[in-house]
């Protein structure tokens, strides 16, 4: 037993150290328009605004619990820096952020990493409710090896906190199911609210309470008395969930009309811009991604299926409770919200997947002669997949940073460079005029027909936005500067493209948009523009098949 514990301890320690290395991936030196992890910039700037001591969050796409928790170490950093004289007031602190973003990126990523490991601990405790230590350790290690999560814990995103809070929620659901004590039920309801204050999509986990009630109360024949009891049960759950949500996000209630309005505007924008994305059912249309979420490879999926069958045979009630949450998620996000349902929306269901997986590991453990090969092959492929993604994320510099070094070395300062897309571009310094141009020519939100897409200003945006904007501009206008110009989306012909480049004195074109290449293929064929360099990611599983090209105008 001691040898087994020591072996697992070494594996945990190895994975922890390997994971720390990924937190330094793609560090920006200055806060920019474009970056590999542009979502981090948006989240971090909203967190920094809490330094104005107004904690009404300015972003609407995620609830603020992750931002509040991440602000705590940033506040400690502020007071420590003020104590030793790095900065003297809040304005200097914000200026320090814009010019030394990597410190804050590391804090945000470290918080994500801590939540990730706490989730692993909760998965172990959850599996331990039913199975042996060895089975629980294998389940936990399997979670830690999921390659997809590297991209979450090495970036400042709320997904790892969502995983943690949803796992705590499901842990208390299982405790209540096993012991039928109301304190576990109330804690589960409270953490449903906490999880929803992390990501709104967790709200649908509340559907688990319905079969849980009927099985725990042993209700068989519907009657008036049963419905009264059910109503009281639901009322308690709702009140405790609201309490958990309100404690973690009080401004949602205090400024409800603004938040709800802005949230609906955001939802309209997302639906409009994702029109072409139409999955019907998650597990069918996201088969490859779902496989990576259900423990990474075919053999892991087999273990999951073994576990689902094994759990169903031994405990049909618990299986029904778990599948209720999966079904409600599928119906809502897979059918009714099919235009805006990326795979990460399924993350709150991971604890349920982990329960089935642990059941599968236990099944194999009790049938070693027949199925041990499945577990061994799963572990080998899992480690290979993990190390493959880890290597891609851990490499420094990234291919976009290499492109930036090439541009700054090869292209003279103040040259006019046209960008063909807004994503996955190197973080170039720019002139003040370029900053204004990029803001003014961003894809207009007003082009959504029949919708008013203007956000209502939150209190914390009134006093400091002008200061933030000026400090950001100062951080972006350092040498070497370039005149950055956005490609005109109305260009359809070769003649239009020529006129545009001559009029604006464009010397180089950079971008990562394959559609632009197809549209302007004639410019390349007639040698009006020539390819100077091309930068490809060293790992397509990290960046996909995106690449960066640099063209020179002949």
Protein backbone atom coordinates (compact mmCIF):
# COMPACT_ATOMS: atom_id res chain seq x y z
CA UNK A 1 0.00 0.00 0.00
CA UNK A 2 2.84 2.39 0.86
CA UNK A 3 4.54 1.65 -2.46
CA UNK A 4 1.30 2.37 -4.33
CA UNK A 5 0.85 5.66 -2.47
CA UNK A 6 4.46 6.65 -3.21
CA UNK A 7 4.02 5.84 -6.94
CA UNK A 8 0.90 8.01 -7.19
CA UNK A 9 2.59 10.80 -5.22
CA UNK A 10 5.51 10.82 -7.71
CA UNK A 11 3.08 10.95 -10.65
CA UNK A 12 1.12 13.83 -9.10
CA UNK A 13 4.34 15.73 -8.38
CA UNK A 14 5.61 15.16 -11.94
CA UNK A 15 2.36 16.42 -13.49
CA UNK A 16 2.30 19.43 -11.15
CA UNK A 17 5.82 20.45 -12.17
CA UNK A 18 5.11 19.88 -15.87
CA UNK A 19 1.97 21.98 -15.62
CA UNK A 20 3.84 24.91 -14.04
CA UNK A 21 5.94 25.12 -17.20
CA UNK A 22 2.90 25.81 -19.38
CA UNK A 23 1.91 28.88 -17.34
CA UNK A 24 4.75 30.83 -18.99
CA UNK A 25 3.49 30.15 -22.50
CA UNK A 26 3.20 33.11 -24.85
CA UNK A 27 3.80 35.81 -22.23
CA UNK A 28 3.14 39.25 -23.71
CA UNK A 29 5.52 42.04 -22.72
CA UNK A 30 2.81 44.68 -23.13
CA UNK A 31 -0.99 44.59 -23.25
CA UNK A 32 -1.92 44.48 -26.94
CA UNK A 33 -4.76 44.28 -29.39
CA UNK A 34 -3.75 40.88 -30.70
CA UNK A 35 -2.39 37.87 -28.85
CA UNK A 36 -2.53 34.10 -28.75
CA UNK A 37 -4.76 34.33 -25.68
CA UNK A 38 -6.82 37.46 -26.38
CA UNK A 39 -9.56 36.39 -23.94
CA UNK A 40 -7.04 36.74 -21.12
CA UNK A 41 -6.52 40.41 -21.92
CA UNK A 42 -10.25 41.11 -21.71
CA UNK A 43 -10.63 39.30 -18.39
CA UNK A 44 -7.51 40.84 -16.86
CA UNK A 45 -8.41 44.43 -17.77
CA UNK A 46 -11.85 43.97 -16.20
CA UNK A 47 -10.13 42.62 -13.05
CA UNK A 48 -7.70 45.54 -12.93
CA UNK A 49 -10.67 47.93 -12.93
CA UNK A 50 -11.61 46.54 -9.52
CA UNK A 51 -8.60 48.54 -8.32
CA UNK A 52 -10.83 51.61 -8.55
CA UNK A 53 -12.63 50.09 -5.53
CA UNK A 54 -15.85 49.79 -7.49
CA UNK A 55 -16.59 46.09 -7.74
CA UNK A 56 -19.44 46.26 -10.23
CA UNK A 57 -17.87 44.17 -13.05
CA UNK A 58 -17.86 45.67 -16.53
CA UNK A 59 -17.96 42.44 -18.54
CA UNK A 60 -21.14 40.51 -19.26
CA UNK A 61 -20.05 37.31 -20.99
CA UNK A 62 -19.06 35.57 -17.72
CA UNK A 63 -20.24 36.05 -14.14
CA UNK A 64 -17.56 37.70 -11.98
CA UNK A 65 -16.67 35.07 -9.35
CA UNK A 66 -13.43 34.06 -11.12
CA UNK A 67 -12.53 37.74 -11.50
CA UNK A 68 -13.21 38.46 -7.83
CA UNK A 69 -11.06 35.55 -6.66
CA UNK A 70 -8.25 36.42 -9.07
CA UNK A 71 -8.35 40.04 -7.91
CA UNK A 72 -7.34 38.93 -4.40
CA UNK A 73 -3.70 38.03 -5.25
CA UNK A 74 -3.54 41.04 -7.61
CA UNK A 75 -4.59 43.27 -4.70
CA UNK A 76 -1.88 41.67 -2.55
CA UNK A 77 0.58 42.37 -5.37
CA UNK A 78 -0.58 46.01 -5.41
CA UNK A 79 -0.07 46.54 -1.68
CA UNK A 80 3.30 44.76 -1.76
CA UNK A 81 4.42 46.90 -4.73
CA UNK A 82 3.22 50.06 -3.03
CA UNK A 83 5.06 49.09 0.16
CA UNK A 84 8.40 48.66 -1.60
CA UNK A 85 7.88 51.68 -3.86
CA UNK A 86 7.27 50.12 -7.31
CA UNK A 87 4.17 52.31 -7.67
CA UNK A 88 2.62 54.97 -5.46
CA UNK A 89 -1.05 55.15 -6.47
CA UNK A 90 -3.71 53.33 -8.49
CA UNK A 91 -2.90 55.16 -11.74
CA UNK A 92 0.75 54.08 -11.58
CA UNK A 93 -0.42 50.56 -10.81
CA UNK A 94 -2.60 50.49 -13.94
CA UNK A 95 0.30 51.91 -15.97
CA UNK A 96 2.51 49.14 -14.57
CA UNK A 97 -0.10 46.60 -15.69
CA UNK A 98 -0.15 47.83 -19.28
CA UNK A 99 3.66 47.82 -19.51
CA UNK A 100 4.35 44.63 -17.54
CA UNK A 101 1.38 42.44 -18.40
CA UNK A 102 3.27 39.19 -17.88
CA UNK A 103 3.15 39.53 -14.07
CA UNK A 104 -0.64 39.66 -14.16
CA UNK A 105 -0.92 36.92 -16.75
CA UNK A 106 1.06 34.69 -14.42
CA UNK A 107 -1.20 35.52 -11.45
CA UNK A 108 -4.35 34.80 -13.48
CA UNK A 109 -2.94 31.55 -14.86
CA UNK A 110 -1.72 30.48 -11.42
CA UNK A 111 -5.24 30.93 -10.06
CA UNK A 112 -6.61 28.77 -12.88
CA UNK A 113 -3.95 26.18 -12.11
CA UNK A 114 -4.86 26.12 -8.42
CA UNK A 115 -8.54 25.62 -9.25
CA UNK A 116 -7.57 22.81 -11.63
CA UNK A 117 -5.69 20.91 -8.93
CA UNK A 118 -8.41 21.50 -6.36
CA UNK A 119 -10.82 19.97 -8.88
CA UNK A 120 -8.57 16.91 -9.05
CA UNK A 121 -8.76 16.66 -5.25
CA UNK A 122 -12.56 16.84 -5.34
CA UNK A 123 -12.74 14.19 -8.07
CA UNK A 124 -10.65 11.92 -5.85
CA UNK A 125 -12.98 12.54 -2.88
CA UNK A 126 -16.03 11.96 -5.09
CA UNK A 127 -14.71 8.64 -6.45
CA UNK A 128 -13.68 7.65 -2.93
CA UNK A 129 -17.34 7.75 -1.85
CA UNK A 130 -17.87 4.56 -3.85
CA UNK A 131 -14.55 2.94 -4.70
CA UNK A 132 -11.08 2.05 -3.38
CA UNK A 133 -8.10 4.39 -3.17
CA UNK A 134 -6.41 2.86 -6.21
CA UNK A 135 -9.53 3.29 -8.37
CA UNK A 136 -9.93 6.88 -7.12
CA UNK A 137 -6.28 7.68 -7.87
CA UNK A 138 -6.54 6.31 -11.42
CA UNK A 139 -9.69 8.39 -12.00
CA UNK A 140 -7.96 11.51 -10.67
CA UNK A 141 -4.84 10.97 -12.76
CA UNK A 142 -7.03 10.48 -15.82
CA UNK A 143 -8.60 13.89 -15.19
CA UNK A 144 -5.16 15.48 -14.79
CA UNK A 145 -4.05 13.96 -18.11
CA UNK A 146 -6.87 15.40 -20.23
CA UNK A 147 -4.90 17.43 -22.82
CA UNK A 148 -7.75 19.85 -23.43
CA UNK A 149 -7.46 21.22 -19.91
CA UNK A 150 -3.87 22.36 -20.46
CA UNK A 151 -5.26 25.15 -22.64
CA UNK A 152 -7.60 26.13 -19.80
CA UNK A 153 -5.32 26.04 -16.79
CA UNK A 154 -2.51 27.83 -18.65
CA UNK A 155 -4.77 30.78 -19.48
CA UNK A 156 -6.73 33.28 -17.44
CA UNK A 157 -10.20 31.84 -17.95
CA UNK A 158 -12.99 30.90 -15.53
CA UNK A 159 -13.36 27.34 -16.87
CA UNK A 160 -11.17 25.69 -14.24
CA UNK A 161 -13.15 27.40 -11.46
CA UNK A 162 -16.34 26.20 -13.15
CA UNK A 163 -14.95 22.65 -13.08
CA UNK A 164 -14.12 22.99 -9.39
CA UNK A 165 -17.45 24.41 -8.23
CA UNK A 166 -19.51 21.97 -10.33
CA UNK A 167 -17.48 19.07 -8.89
CA UNK A 168 -18.14 20.32 -5.34
CA UNK A 169 -21.83 20.61 -6.23
CA UNK A 170 -21.98 17.04 -7.53
CA UNK A 171 -19.97 15.78 -4.54
CA UNK A 172 -22.66 17.08 -2.17
CA UNK A 173 -25.38 15.63 -4.42
CA UNK A 174 -23.76 12.21 -4.00
CA UNK A 175 -23.33 12.71 -0.26
CA UNK A 176 -27.04 13.49 0.05
CA UNK A 177 -27.94 10.50 -2.11
CA UNK A 178 -25.86 8.19 0.09
CA UNK A 179 -26.76 9.57 3.52
CA UNK A 180 -30.07 11.43 2.97
CA UNK A 181 -29.04 14.29 5.28
CA UNK A 182 -30.50 17.70 4.48
CA UNK A 183 -27.26 19.56 5.19
CA UNK A 184 -25.73 17.98 2.07
CA UNK A 185 -28.78 18.90 0.03
CA UNK A 186 -28.55 22.53 1.17
CA UNK A 187 -24.82 22.66 0.46
CA UNK A 188 -25.44 21.25 -3.03
CA UNK A 189 -28.09 23.91 -3.69
CA UNK A 190 -25.78 26.65 -2.42
CA UNK A 191 -22.94 25.46 -4.68
CA UNK A 192 -25.33 25.36 -7.62
CA UNK A 193 -25.62 29.13 -7.14
CA UNK A 194 -21.86 29.48 -6.70
CA UNK A 195 -21.23 27.48 -9.89
CA UNK A 196 -23.72 29.62 -11.81
CA UNK A 197 -21.83 32.70 -10.56
CA UNK A 198 -18.80 31.21 -12.32
CA UNK A 199 -20.41 30.25 -15.65
CA UNK A 200 -24.10 30.77 -16.42
CA UNK A 201 -24.42 27.43 -18.23
CA UNK A 202 -24.08 25.59 -14.89
CA UNK A 203 -27.67 26.58 -14.04
CA UNK A 204 -28.96 23.50 -15.85
CA UNK A 205 -27.33 21.23 -13.31
CA UNK A 206 -30.33 22.13 -11.15
CA UNK A 207 -32.37 19.59 -13.12
CA UNK A 208 -30.60 16.86 -11.11
CA UNK A 209 -32.61 17.82 -8.03
CA UNK A 210 -35.91 16.53 -9.49
CA UNK A 211 -35.05 12.80 -9.80
CA UNK A 212 -32.95 13.13 -6.64
CA UNK A 213 -36.06 14.23 -4.73
CA UNK A 214 -38.29 11.43 -5.99
CA UNK A 215 -35.71 8.72 -5.33
CA UNK A 216 -34.70 10.03 -1.90
CA UNK A 217 -38.30 10.54 -0.74
CA UNK A 218 -39.46 7.29 -2.34
CA UNK A 219 -42.45 9.02 -3.96
CA UNK A 220 -44.38 6.56 -6.13
CA UNK A 221 -47.97 7.76 -6.55
CA UNK A 222 -48.51 11.46 -7.35
CA UNK A 223 -50.87 13.13 -4.89
CA UNK A 224 -51.72 16.60 -3.66
CA UNK A 225 -49.61 16.11 -0.57
CA UNK A 226 -46.65 15.00 -2.63
CA UNK A 227 -46.91 18.07 -4.82
CA UNK A 228 -46.98 20.36 -1.78
CA UNK A 229 -43.85 18.65 -0.45
CA UNK A 230 -42.21 18.90 -3.86
CA UNK A 231 -43.05 22.60 -4.03
CA UNK A 232 -41.48 23.19 -0.64
CA UNK A 233 -38.42 21.19 -1.70
CA UNK A 234 -38.00 23.22 -4.89
CA UNK A 235 -38.49 26.49 -3.00
CA UNK A 236 -35.68 25.63 -0.57
CA UNK A 237 -33.38 24.67 -3.43
CA UNK A 238 -34.13 27.87 -5.36
CA UNK A 239 -33.62 30.12 -2.32
CA UNK A 240 -30.29 28.51 -1.42
CA UNK A 241 -29.10 28.62 -5.05
CA UNK A 242 -30.06 32.31 -5.28
CA UNK A 243 -28.22 32.92 -2.02
CA UNK A 244 -25.04 31.28 -3.39
CA UNK A 245 -25.32 33.27 -6.62
CA UNK A 246 -26.06 36.57 -4.85
CA UNK A 247 -23.14 36.24 -2.42
CA UNK A 248 -20.73 35.64 -5.32
CA UNK A 249 -22.31 38.21 -7.68
CA UNK A 250 -24.22 40.83 -5.64
CA UNK A 251 -24.16 43.46 -8.38
CA UNK A 252 -26.23 41.26 -10.67
CA UNK A 253 -29.14 41.82 -8.28
CA UNK A 254 -28.30 45.40 -7.32
CA UNK A 255 -28.08 46.48 -10.98
CA UNK A 256 -30.30 43.77 -12.40
CA UNK A 257 -31.83 45.78 -15.25
CA UNK A 258 -28.42 46.84 -16.63
CA UNK A 259 -26.90 43.38 -16.33
CA UNK A 260 -29.86 41.60 -17.85
CA UNK A 261 -30.05 44.10 -20.72
CA UNK A 262 -26.30 43.85 -21.45
CA UNK A 263 -26.39 40.07 -21.19
CA UNK A 264 -29.21 39.86 -23.75
CA UNK A 265 -27.31 42.24 -26.05
CA UNK A 266 -24.23 40.05 -25.77
CA UNK A 267 -26.28 36.93 -26.49
CA UNK A 268 -27.75 38.61 -29.58
CA UNK A 269 -24.29 39.54 -30.85
CA UNK A 270 -22.91 36.03 -30.31
CA UNK A 271 -25.88 34.40 -32.03
CA UNK A 272 -25.53 36.80 -34.97
CA UNK A 273 -21.82 36.25 -35.52
CA UNK A 274 -22.05 32.46 -35.06
CA UNK A 275 -24.81 32.00 -37.61
CA UNK A 276 -22.89 29.38 -39.54
CA UNK A 277 -22.27 27.15 -36.52
CA UNK A 278 -25.13 24.66 -36.23
CA UNK A 279 -24.42 21.55 -34.16
CA UNK A 280 -27.56 19.53 -33.59
CA UNK A 281 -26.56 17.26 -30.71
CA UNK A 282 -23.25 17.71 -28.87
CA UNK A 283 -22.17 14.10 -28.62
CA UNK A 284 -22.79 13.48 -32.33
CA UNK A 285 -21.54 16.70 -33.91
CA UNK A 286 -18.60 17.09 -31.53
CA UNK A 287 -17.55 13.44 -31.58
CA UNK A 288 -13.78 14.08 -31.61
CA UNK A 289 -13.95 16.84 -29.00
CA UNK A 290 -16.36 14.87 -26.83
CA UNK A 291 -13.94 11.97 -26.95
CA UNK A 292 -11.19 14.24 -25.62
CA UNK A 293 -13.48 15.36 -22.82
CA UNK A 294 -14.45 11.78 -22.00
CA UNK A 295 -10.85 10.89 -21.21
CA UNK A 296 -8.95 11.41 -24.38
CA UNK A 297 -8.98 8.28 -26.51
CA UNK A 298 -10.97 5.27 -27.70
CA UNK A 299 -9.85 3.14 -24.76
CA UNK A 300 -10.89 5.84 -22.31
CA UNK A 301 -14.26 5.96 -24.02
CA UNK A 302 -14.56 2.18 -23.63
CA UNK A 303 -13.83 2.54 -19.92
CA UNK A 304 -16.57 5.18 -19.75
CA UNK A 305 -19.03 2.82 -21.49
CA UNK A 306 -18.04 -0.06 -19.18
CA UNK A 307 -18.64 2.25 -16.24
CA UNK A 308 -22.04 3.44 -17.47
CA UNK A 309 -23.21 -0.17 -17.96
CA UNK A 310 -21.70 -1.32 -14.65
CA UNK A 311 -23.22 1.58 -12.70
CA UNK A 312 -26.61 1.08 -14.34
CA UNK A 313 -26.67 -2.60 -13.36
CA UNK A 314 -25.67 -1.88 -9.77
CA UNK A 315 -27.45 1.44 -9.14
CA UNK A 316 -30.17 2.42 -11.60
CA UNK A 317 -31.37 5.35 -9.47
CA UNK A 318 -27.96 7.03 -9.35
CA UNK A 319 -27.50 6.46 -13.09
CA UNK A 320 -30.88 8.09 -13.78
CA UNK A 321 -29.97 11.11 -11.64
CA UNK A 322 -26.67 11.56 -13.49
CA UNK A 323 -28.17 11.13 -16.95
CA UNK A 324 -30.84 13.73 -16.19
CA UNK A 325 -28.19 16.45 -16.08
CA UNK A 326 -26.62 15.23 -19.32
CA UNK A 327 -30.01 15.08 -21.07
CA UNK A 328 -31.07 18.60 -20.07
CA UNK A 329 -27.72 19.98 -21.21
CA UNK A 330 -28.07 18.20 -24.53
CA UNK A 331 -31.59 19.43 -25.15
CA UNK A 332 -30.89 23.07 -24.33
CA UNK A 333 -27.39 23.62 -25.72
CA UNK A 334 -27.53 21.03 -28.48
CA UNK A 335 -30.93 21.91 -29.92
CA UNK A 336 -32.35 25.22 -28.66
CA UNK A 337 -29.01 27.02 -28.44
CA UNK A 338 -27.27 25.21 -31.25
CA UNK A 339 -25.81 28.37 -32.84
CA UNK A 340 -23.77 29.27 -29.74
CA UNK A 341 -22.76 26.03 -28.09
CA UNK A 342 -18.99 25.42 -28.13
CA UNK A 343 -17.70 22.25 -26.57
CA UNK A 344 -16.53 23.91 -23.35
CA UNK A 345 -20.19 24.47 -22.40
CA UNK A 346 -20.19 20.80 -21.40
CA UNK A 347 -17.48 21.27 -18.76
CA UNK A 348 -19.94 21.34 -15.80
CA UNK A 349 -20.88 17.78 -16.73
CA UNK A 350 -17.33 16.52 -16.18
CA UNK A 351 -18.02 15.32 -12.58
CA UNK A 352 -20.78 13.06 -13.96
CA UNK A 353 -18.38 11.75 -16.60
CA UNK A 354 -15.79 11.17 -13.86
CA UNK A 355 -18.33 9.14 -11.85
CA UNK A 356 -18.99 6.83 -14.81
CA UNK A 357 -15.28 6.61 -15.55
CA UNK A 358 -14.44 5.62 -11.98
CA UNK A 359 -17.14 2.96 -12.21
CA UNK A 360 -15.45 1.67 -15.37
CA UNK A 361 -12.04 1.58 -13.68
CA UNK A 362 -13.58 -0.36 -10.79
CA UNK A 363 -15.18 -2.79 -13.28
CA UNK A 364 -11.81 -3.41 -14.95
CA UNK A 365 -10.13 -3.77 -11.57
CA UNK A 366 -12.55 -6.57 -10.70
CA UNK A 367 -12.11 -8.23 -14.13
CA UNK A 368 -8.38 -7.77 -14.63
CA UNK A 369 -7.77 -10.81 -16.78
CA UNK A 370 -10.33 -9.77 -19.38
CA UNK A 371 -9.95 -6.01 -19.57
CA UNK A 372 -6.64 -4.92 -18.07
CA UNK A 373 -5.23 -4.36 -21.59
CA UNK A 374 -7.84 -1.65 -22.17
CA UNK A 375 -6.67 0.24 -19.10
CA UNK A 376 -2.98 -0.14 -19.98
CA UNK A 377 -3.49 1.09 -23.56
CA UNK A 378 -5.57 3.98 -22.27
CA UNK A 379 -2.82 5.06 -19.86
CA UNK A 380 -0.09 4.86 -22.51
CA UNK A 381 -2.04 6.86 -25.07
CA UNK A 382 -3.19 9.32 -22.40
CA UNK A 383 0.41 10.10 -21.40
CA UNK A 384 1.42 10.47 -25.07
CA UNK A 385 -1.45 12.88 -25.78
CA UNK A 386 -0.73 14.89 -22.66
CA UNK A 387 2.98 15.23 -23.43
CA UNK A 388 2.26 16.11 -27.07
CA UNK A 389 0.01 19.04 -26.08
CA UNK A 390 2.34 19.99 -23.23
CA UNK A 391 5.28 20.26 -25.61
CA UNK A 392 3.29 22.44 -28.00
CA UNK A 393 2.15 24.78 -25.24
CA UNK A 394 5.49 24.87 -23.42
CA UNK A 395 7.61 25.85 -26.41
CA UNK A 396 8.91 29.40 -26.32
CA UNK A 397 8.80 31.62 -28.23
CA UNK A 398 5.54 30.89 -30.02
CA UNK A 399 5.28 31.09 -33.79
CA UNK A 400 3.52 34.46 -33.49
CA UNK A 401 6.30 35.82 -31.30
CA UNK A 402 8.82 34.58 -33.86
CA UNK A 403 6.88 36.47 -36.52
CA UNK A 404 7.04 39.63 -34.43
CA UNK A 405 10.82 39.34 -34.05
CA UNK A 406 11.14 38.85 -37.82
CA UNK A 407 8.98 41.90 -38.60
CA UNK A 408 10.81 44.20 -36.17
CA UNK A 409 14.17 43.06 -37.57
CA UNK A 410 13.26 43.10 -41.27
CA UNK A 411 10.66 45.86 -41.76
CA UNK A 412 11.60 49.54 -41.18
CA UNK A 413 9.80 51.54 -38.50
CA UNK A 414 6.65 53.47 -39.51
CA UNK A 415 6.09 51.22 -42.51
CA UNK A 416 2.40 50.81 -43.36
CA UNK A 417 1.34 47.22 -42.72
CA UNK A 418 -2.13 45.99 -43.59
CA UNK A 419 -3.73 43.30 -41.43
CA UNK A 420 -6.34 41.02 -42.99
CA UNK A 421 -7.85 39.65 -39.76
CA UNK A 422 -8.03 40.45 -36.07
CA UNK A 423 -7.05 37.08 -34.64
CA UNK A 424 -3.71 35.33 -34.14
CA UNK A 425 -1.51 38.25 -35.15
CA UNK A 426 1.88 39.27 -33.66
CA UNK A 427 1.81 41.96 -30.97
CA UNK A 428 3.31 44.86 -32.90
CA UNK A 429 3.84 48.37 -31.58
CA UNK A 430 1.72 50.89 -33.44
CA UNK A 431 1.30 54.62 -33.91
CA UNK A 432 -1.39 56.54 -32.05
CA UNK A 433 -3.23 57.06 -35.35
CA UNK A 434 -3.17 53.28 -35.94
CA UNK A 435 -4.77 52.70 -32.55
CA UNK A 436 -7.63 55.03 -33.43
CA UNK A 437 -8.00 53.48 -36.88
CA UNK A 438 -8.20 49.92 -35.52
CA UNK A 439 -10.86 50.95 -33.01
CA UNK A 440 -12.93 52.87 -35.56
CA UNK A 441 -12.80 50.18 -38.24
CA UNK A 442 -13.59 47.21 -36.01
CA UNK A 443 -16.55 45.18 -37.22
CA UNK A 444 -19.51 47.35 -36.38
CA UNK A 445 -22.01 45.92 -33.94
CA UNK A 446 -24.65 48.24 -35.41
CA UNK A 447 -24.90 46.07 -38.52
CA UNK A 448 -27.17 43.56 -36.76
CA UNK A 449 -30.53 44.28 -38.39
CA UNK A 450 -33.42 45.00 -36.06
CA UNK A 451 -31.34 45.01 -32.85
CA UNK A 452 -30.06 47.77 -30.60
CA UNK A 453 -26.62 46.52 -29.59
CA UNK A 454 -25.41 49.35 -27.38
CA UNK A 455 -24.39 48.28 -23.88
CA UNK A 456 -25.60 50.24 -20.87
CA UNK A 457 -22.68 51.74 -19.01
CA UNK A 458 -21.88 50.25 -15.62
CA UNK A 459 -20.89 52.45 -12.66
CA UNK A 460 -17.28 51.31 -12.66
CA UNK A 461 -16.87 52.42 -16.29
CA UNK A 462 -17.63 56.10 -15.71
CA UNK A 463 -14.56 57.41 -13.92
CA UNK A 464 -11.56 55.48 -15.18
CA UNK A 465 -12.17 54.47 -18.80
CA UNK A 466 -10.44 57.56 -20.20
CA UNK A 467 -7.41 56.91 -17.95
CA UNK A 468 -7.32 53.25 -18.98
CA UNK A 469 -7.52 54.17 -22.65
CA UNK A 470 -4.66 56.67 -22.48
CA UNK A 471 -2.40 54.33 -20.51
CA UNK A 472 -3.11 51.53 -23.00
CA UNK A 473 -2.23 53.80 -25.95
CA UNK A 474 1.03 54.83 -24.28
CA UNK A 475 1.98 51.17 -23.83
CA UNK A 476 1.34 50.42 -27.51
CA UNK A 477 3.15 53.39 -29.02
CA UNK A 478 6.73 52.45 -28.23
CA UNK A 479 9.53 51.90 -30.72
CA UNK A 480 9.54 50.36 -33.26
CA UNK A 481 6.10 51.63 -34.28
CA UNK A 482 4.19 50.62 -37.40
CA UNK A 483 1.28 52.16 -39.21
CA UNK A 484 -1.24 49.34 -38.91
CA UNK A 485 -4.16 49.40 -41.34
CA UNK A 486 -7.15 47.08 -41.44
CA UNK A 487 -8.04 45.55 -44.83
CA UNK A 488 -11.23 46.96 -46.29
CA UNK A 489 -13.86 44.21 -46.19
CA UNK A 490 -15.68 45.76 -49.17
CA UNK A 491 -12.82 44.99 -51.58
CA UNK A 492 -14.02 42.45 -54.17
CA UNK A 493 -11.79 42.87 -57.23
CA UNK A 494 -8.11 43.15 -58.08
CA UNK A 495 -8.60 46.76 -59.13
CA UNK A 496 -10.19 47.66 -55.81
CA UNK A 497 -7.30 46.02 -53.96
CA UNK A 498 -4.72 47.90 -56.06
CA UNK A 499 -6.42 51.25 -55.45
CA UNK A 500 -6.62 50.53 -51.73
CA UNK A 501 -2.92 49.67 -51.44
CA UNK A 502 -1.77 52.65 -53.52
CA UNK A 503 -4.03 55.10 -51.69
CA UNK A 504 -2.83 54.00 -48.26
CA UNK A 505 0.83 53.40 -49.22
CA UNK A 506 0.65 49.79 -48.04
CA UNK A 507 4.05 48.05 -48.12
CA UNK A 508 3.29 44.75 -46.38
CA UNK A 509 0.27 42.57 -45.70
CA UNK A 510 0.09 40.16 -42.75
CA UNK A 511 -2.71 37.90 -41.62
CA UNK A 512 -3.92 34.45 -40.70
CA UNK A 513 -7.17 34.39 -42.65
CA UNK A 514 -7.26 31.67 -45.33
CA UNK A 515 -10.44 33.20 -46.80
CA UNK A 516 -8.48 36.37 -47.65
CA UNK A 517 -5.99 34.29 -49.65
CA UNK A 518 -8.75 32.69 -51.66
CA UNK A 519 -10.42 36.03 -52.41
CA UNK A 520 -7.18 37.75 -53.45
CA UNK A 521 -5.45 34.86 -55.21
CA UNK A 522 -5.11 36.97 -58.37
CA UNK A 523 -2.79 39.41 -56.54
CA UNK A 524 -0.42 36.53 -55.85
CA UNK A 525 -0.70 34.94 -59.29
CA UNK A 526 0.09 38.23 -61.07
CA UNK A 527 3.02 38.87 -58.68
CA UNK A 528 1.57 42.12 -57.40
CA UNK A 529 2.30 40.78 -53.92
CA UNK A 530 4.92 38.18 -53.04
CA UNK A 531 5.26 35.96 -50.00
CA UNK A 532 8.09 37.09 -47.72
CA UNK A 533 7.72 34.58 -44.92
CA UNK A 534 5.30 32.12 -43.43
CA UNK A 535 5.06 31.02 -39.81
CA UNK A 536 3.31 27.81 -38.83
CA UNK A 537 2.59 26.50 -35.32
CA UNK A 538 4.80 23.68 -34.16
CA UNK A 539 1.72 21.81 -32.91
CA UNK A 540 -1.59 21.92 -34.80
CA UNK A 541 -3.41 20.41 -31.82
CA UNK A 542 -2.69 23.61 -29.89
CA UNK A 543 -3.33 26.26 -32.55
CA UNK A 544 -5.26 24.30 -35.12
CA UNK A 545 -4.19 24.71 -38.73
CA UNK A 546 -3.86 28.50 -38.53
CA UNK A 547 -0.67 30.00 -39.93
CA UNK A 548 0.69 33.50 -40.33
CA UNK A 549 1.80 34.86 -43.69
CA UNK A 550 3.67 38.05 -44.56
CA UNK A 551 3.36 39.51 -48.09
CA UNK A 552 5.31 42.37 -49.62
CA UNK A 553 3.80 44.74 -52.18
CA UNK A 554 5.96 44.65 -55.33
